[in-house]
N, C-alpha and C. Protein backbone atom coordinates (compact mmCIF):
# COMPACT_ATOMS: atom_id res chain seq x y z
N UNK A 1 90.84 114.42 94.17
CA UNK A 1 89.85 113.45 93.84
C UNK A 1 89.48 112.59 95.05
N UNK A 2 89.05 113.20 96.10
CA UNK A 2 88.72 112.42 97.29
C UNK A 2 87.66 111.36 96.98
N UNK A 3 87.91 110.16 97.49
CA UNK A 3 86.95 109.09 97.30
C UNK A 3 87.04 108.36 95.98
N UNK A 4 87.86 108.83 95.07
CA UNK A 4 88.01 108.18 93.77
C UNK A 4 89.12 107.16 93.84
N UNK A 5 88.96 106.07 93.12
CA UNK A 5 90.01 105.05 93.01
C UNK A 5 90.81 105.32 91.75
N UNK A 6 92.11 105.20 91.88
CA UNK A 6 93.02 105.49 90.77
C UNK A 6 93.88 104.26 90.49
N UNK A 7 94.03 103.92 89.22
CA UNK A 7 94.93 102.85 88.79
C UNK A 7 95.89 103.40 87.76
N UNK A 8 97.18 103.14 87.94
CA UNK A 8 98.19 103.49 86.95
C UNK A 8 98.65 102.17 86.34
N UNK A 9 98.49 102.04 85.04
CA UNK A 9 98.71 100.76 84.37
C UNK A 9 99.80 100.89 83.32
N UNK A 10 100.83 100.06 83.46
CA UNK A 10 101.90 100.03 82.47
C UNK A 10 101.57 98.98 81.42
N UNK A 11 102.14 99.14 80.24
CA UNK A 11 101.84 98.20 79.15
C UNK A 11 100.39 98.30 78.75
N UNK A 12 99.83 99.49 78.86
CA UNK A 12 98.39 99.70 78.72
C UNK A 12 97.84 99.53 77.32
N UNK A 13 98.69 99.54 76.31
CA UNK A 13 98.18 99.56 74.93
C UNK A 13 97.92 98.19 74.32
N UNK A 14 98.34 97.11 74.98
CA UNK A 14 98.18 95.79 74.37
C UNK A 14 98.09 94.69 75.42
N UNK A 15 97.54 93.56 75.00
CA UNK A 15 97.54 92.35 75.81
C UNK A 15 96.90 92.50 77.17
N UNK A 16 97.60 92.00 78.19
CA UNK A 16 97.09 92.02 79.55
C UNK A 16 96.91 93.45 80.04
N UNK A 17 97.83 94.34 79.69
CA UNK A 17 97.71 95.74 80.10
C UNK A 17 96.43 96.37 79.58
N UNK A 18 96.14 96.12 78.30
CA UNK A 18 94.92 96.67 77.68
C UNK A 18 93.67 96.12 78.38
N UNK A 19 93.65 94.83 78.65
CA UNK A 19 92.52 94.21 79.34
C UNK A 19 92.37 94.78 80.76
N UNK A 20 93.50 95.05 81.39
CA UNK A 20 93.48 95.62 82.74
C UNK A 20 92.88 97.02 82.73
N UNK A 21 93.25 97.82 81.74
CA UNK A 21 92.68 99.16 81.60
C UNK A 21 91.16 99.07 81.47
N UNK A 22 90.71 98.21 80.59
CA UNK A 22 89.26 98.07 80.36
C UNK A 22 88.54 97.64 81.64
N UNK A 23 89.15 96.72 82.38
CA UNK A 23 88.51 96.23 83.61
C UNK A 23 88.45 97.33 84.67
N UNK A 24 89.56 98.01 84.89
CA UNK A 24 89.56 99.06 85.91
C UNK A 24 88.64 100.22 85.52
N UNK A 25 88.73 100.67 84.27
CA UNK A 25 87.86 101.77 83.82
C UNK A 25 86.39 101.37 83.91
N UNK A 26 86.10 100.11 83.57
CA UNK A 26 84.73 99.62 83.64
C UNK A 26 84.18 99.56 85.06
N UNK A 27 85.07 99.54 86.04
CA UNK A 27 84.65 99.56 87.44
C UNK A 27 84.77 100.95 88.05
N UNK A 28 84.88 101.97 87.20
CA UNK A 28 84.84 103.35 87.67
C UNK A 28 86.15 103.92 88.17
N UNK A 29 87.26 103.23 87.92
CA UNK A 29 88.55 103.77 88.33
C UNK A 29 88.97 104.89 87.39
N UNK A 30 89.63 105.89 87.93
CA UNK A 30 90.34 106.87 87.12
C UNK A 30 91.65 106.19 86.74
N UNK A 31 92.12 106.39 85.51
CA UNK A 31 93.29 105.65 85.06
C UNK A 31 94.40 106.55 84.55
N UNK A 32 95.61 106.14 84.87
CA UNK A 32 96.82 106.71 84.30
C UNK A 32 97.42 105.62 83.43
N UNK A 33 97.71 105.92 82.19
CA UNK A 33 98.14 104.91 81.23
C UNK A 33 99.57 105.14 80.79
N UNK A 34 100.35 104.07 80.76
CA UNK A 34 101.72 104.12 80.26
C UNK A 34 101.90 103.05 79.21
N UNK A 35 102.53 103.42 78.11
CA UNK A 35 102.82 102.46 77.04
C UNK A 35 103.93 103.03 76.17
N UNK A 36 104.55 102.15 75.38
CA UNK A 36 105.65 102.58 74.51
C UNK A 36 105.18 103.21 73.21
N UNK A 37 104.01 102.83 72.72
CA UNK A 37 103.56 103.30 71.41
C UNK A 37 102.43 104.32 71.49
N UNK A 38 102.58 105.43 70.80
CA UNK A 38 101.59 106.50 70.84
C UNK A 38 100.24 106.07 70.27
N UNK A 39 100.25 105.34 69.16
CA UNK A 39 98.98 104.96 68.52
C UNK A 39 98.16 104.04 69.43
N UNK A 40 98.80 103.04 70.00
CA UNK A 40 98.11 102.14 70.91
C UNK A 40 97.63 102.84 72.16
N UNK A 41 98.42 103.80 72.63
CA UNK A 41 98.06 104.57 73.82
C UNK A 41 96.83 105.42 73.56
N UNK A 42 96.77 106.04 72.40
CA UNK A 42 95.58 106.83 72.04
C UNK A 42 94.34 105.96 71.97
N UNK A 43 94.46 104.79 71.36
CA UNK A 43 93.32 103.89 71.21
C UNK A 43 92.79 103.42 72.56
N UNK A 44 93.68 103.04 73.48
CA UNK A 44 93.20 102.55 74.78
C UNK A 44 92.67 103.70 75.63
N UNK A 45 93.17 104.90 75.43
CA UNK A 45 92.62 106.06 76.15
C UNK A 45 91.17 106.27 75.77
N UNK A 46 90.85 106.12 74.50
CA UNK A 46 89.46 106.25 74.04
C UNK A 46 88.61 105.13 74.65
N UNK A 47 89.12 103.90 74.62
CA UNK A 47 88.37 102.77 75.20
C UNK A 47 88.14 102.96 76.69
N UNK A 48 89.14 103.47 77.40
CA UNK A 48 88.99 103.69 78.84
C UNK A 48 87.86 104.68 79.11
N UNK A 49 87.80 105.74 78.33
CA UNK A 49 86.73 106.72 78.50
C UNK A 49 85.37 106.10 78.19
N UNK A 50 85.30 105.28 77.15
CA UNK A 50 84.04 104.63 76.80
C UNK A 50 83.60 103.63 77.87
N UNK A 51 84.56 103.07 78.60
CA UNK A 51 84.25 102.12 79.67
C UNK A 51 83.79 102.84 80.94
N UNK A 52 83.94 104.15 80.98
CA UNK A 52 83.48 104.91 82.14
C UNK A 52 84.59 105.43 83.03
N UNK A 53 85.83 105.17 82.68
CA UNK A 53 86.94 105.67 83.49
C UNK A 53 87.33 107.08 83.09
N UNK A 54 87.82 107.82 84.04
CA UNK A 54 88.32 109.17 83.78
C UNK A 54 89.81 109.06 83.50
N UNK A 55 90.24 109.52 82.35
CA UNK A 55 91.65 109.47 81.98
C UNK A 55 92.39 110.59 82.71
N UNK A 56 93.34 110.20 83.54
CA UNK A 56 94.10 111.18 84.31
C UNK A 56 95.40 111.55 83.62
N UNK A 57 96.02 110.59 82.98
CA UNK A 57 97.30 110.84 82.34
C UNK A 57 97.59 109.72 81.35
N UNK A 58 98.30 110.07 80.30
CA UNK A 58 98.82 109.04 79.41
C UNK A 58 100.25 109.43 79.08
N UNK A 59 101.13 108.46 79.24
CA UNK A 59 102.56 108.70 79.10
C UNK A 59 103.13 107.69 78.12
N UNK A 60 103.75 108.22 77.07
CA UNK A 60 104.43 107.35 76.09
C UNK A 60 105.87 107.20 76.55
N UNK A 61 106.16 106.04 77.13
CA UNK A 61 107.52 105.83 77.65
C UNK A 61 107.74 104.35 77.92
N UNK A 62 108.95 103.92 77.71
CA UNK A 62 109.34 102.56 78.04
C UNK A 62 109.72 102.56 79.51
N UNK A 63 108.98 101.82 80.32
CA UNK A 63 109.26 101.80 81.75
C UNK A 63 109.84 100.46 82.19
N UNK A 64 110.42 99.72 81.26
CA UNK A 64 111.05 98.44 81.63
C UNK A 64 112.22 98.62 82.59
N UNK A 65 113.08 99.61 82.39
CA UNK A 65 114.12 99.81 83.41
C UNK A 65 113.45 100.25 84.72
N UNK A 66 113.81 99.63 85.83
CA UNK A 66 113.17 99.93 87.11
C UNK A 66 113.23 101.41 87.45
N UNK A 67 114.36 102.06 87.21
CA UNK A 67 114.48 103.48 87.53
C UNK A 67 113.47 104.31 86.75
N UNK A 68 113.26 103.98 85.49
CA UNK A 68 112.29 104.71 84.67
C UNK A 68 110.88 104.52 85.21
N UNK A 69 110.55 103.31 85.59
CA UNK A 69 109.22 103.02 86.14
C UNK A 69 108.99 103.80 87.42
N UNK A 70 109.97 103.80 88.30
CA UNK A 70 109.82 104.53 89.57
C UNK A 70 109.69 106.03 89.34
N UNK A 71 110.49 106.59 88.44
CA UNK A 71 110.41 108.02 88.13
C UNK A 71 109.02 108.40 87.62
N UNK A 72 108.49 107.61 86.71
CA UNK A 72 107.17 107.91 86.14
C UNK A 72 106.10 107.79 87.20
N UNK A 73 106.15 106.74 88.02
CA UNK A 73 105.13 106.55 89.06
C UNK A 73 105.15 107.69 90.07
N UNK A 74 106.33 108.09 90.50
CA UNK A 74 106.44 109.19 91.46
C UNK A 74 105.88 110.47 90.86
N UNK A 75 106.21 110.75 89.62
CA UNK A 75 105.70 111.95 88.94
C UNK A 75 104.18 111.92 88.83
N UNK A 76 103.64 110.77 88.44
CA UNK A 76 102.19 110.66 88.31
C UNK A 76 101.48 110.82 89.64
N UNK A 77 101.99 110.18 90.67
CA UNK A 77 101.36 110.30 91.99
C UNK A 77 101.39 111.74 92.45
N UNK A 78 102.51 112.42 92.27
CA UNK A 78 102.61 113.82 92.67
C UNK A 78 101.65 114.70 91.89
N UNK A 79 101.49 114.43 90.59
CA UNK A 79 100.61 115.27 89.78
C UNK A 79 99.14 115.00 90.05
N UNK A 80 98.80 113.81 90.54
CA UNK A 80 97.41 113.47 90.79
C UNK A 80 96.96 113.82 92.21
N UNK A 81 97.89 114.18 93.07
CA UNK A 81 97.57 114.46 94.46
C UNK A 81 96.83 115.79 94.60
N UNK A 82 95.78 115.81 95.39
CA UNK A 82 95.12 117.08 95.67
C UNK A 82 96.10 118.02 96.37
N UNK A 83 96.02 119.29 96.05
CA UNK A 83 96.93 120.28 96.63
C UNK A 83 96.84 120.26 98.15
N UNK A 84 98.00 120.26 98.80
CA UNK A 84 98.04 120.33 100.25
C UNK A 84 97.84 119.00 100.96
N UNK A 85 97.68 117.94 100.21
CA UNK A 85 97.49 116.64 100.84
C UNK A 85 98.70 115.76 100.50
N UNK A 86 99.57 115.56 101.47
CA UNK A 86 100.82 114.87 101.21
C UNK A 86 100.81 113.37 101.43
N UNK A 87 99.78 112.84 102.06
CA UNK A 87 99.75 111.40 102.33
C UNK A 87 99.02 110.67 101.22
N UNK A 88 99.69 109.70 100.63
CA UNK A 88 99.10 108.95 99.53
C UNK A 88 99.34 107.47 99.74
N UNK A 89 98.31 106.71 99.58
CA UNK A 89 98.44 105.26 99.70
C UNK A 89 98.77 104.72 98.32
N UNK A 90 99.87 104.03 98.22
CA UNK A 90 100.30 103.47 96.95
C UNK A 90 100.32 101.96 97.09
N UNK A 91 99.64 101.28 96.18
CA UNK A 91 99.60 99.82 96.21
C UNK A 91 100.15 99.31 94.89
N UNK A 92 101.17 98.51 94.96
CA UNK A 92 101.75 97.93 93.75
C UNK A 92 101.18 96.53 93.58
N UNK A 93 100.88 96.20 92.34
CA UNK A 93 100.35 94.88 92.13
C UNK A 93 100.52 94.44 90.71
């Protein structure tokens, strides 16, 4: 996805996470969504698409333990990387 902006958002199904998904998708970001509940995750995935974002991944998982969060982020970055391109800029915020 050269030239595309990607946001991976945890807590995506409710509250600040949900608002963040809508904002990023509304600005044309491709989004990877993580949340604990499947129903909320499905609902925000639909909203992200309606806002104009391309849904790249949705993961139902509790990422509160730091190790779990890092594992999921590494897996998502690896799966979203164009083949043969090993350099990826990762910004945490």
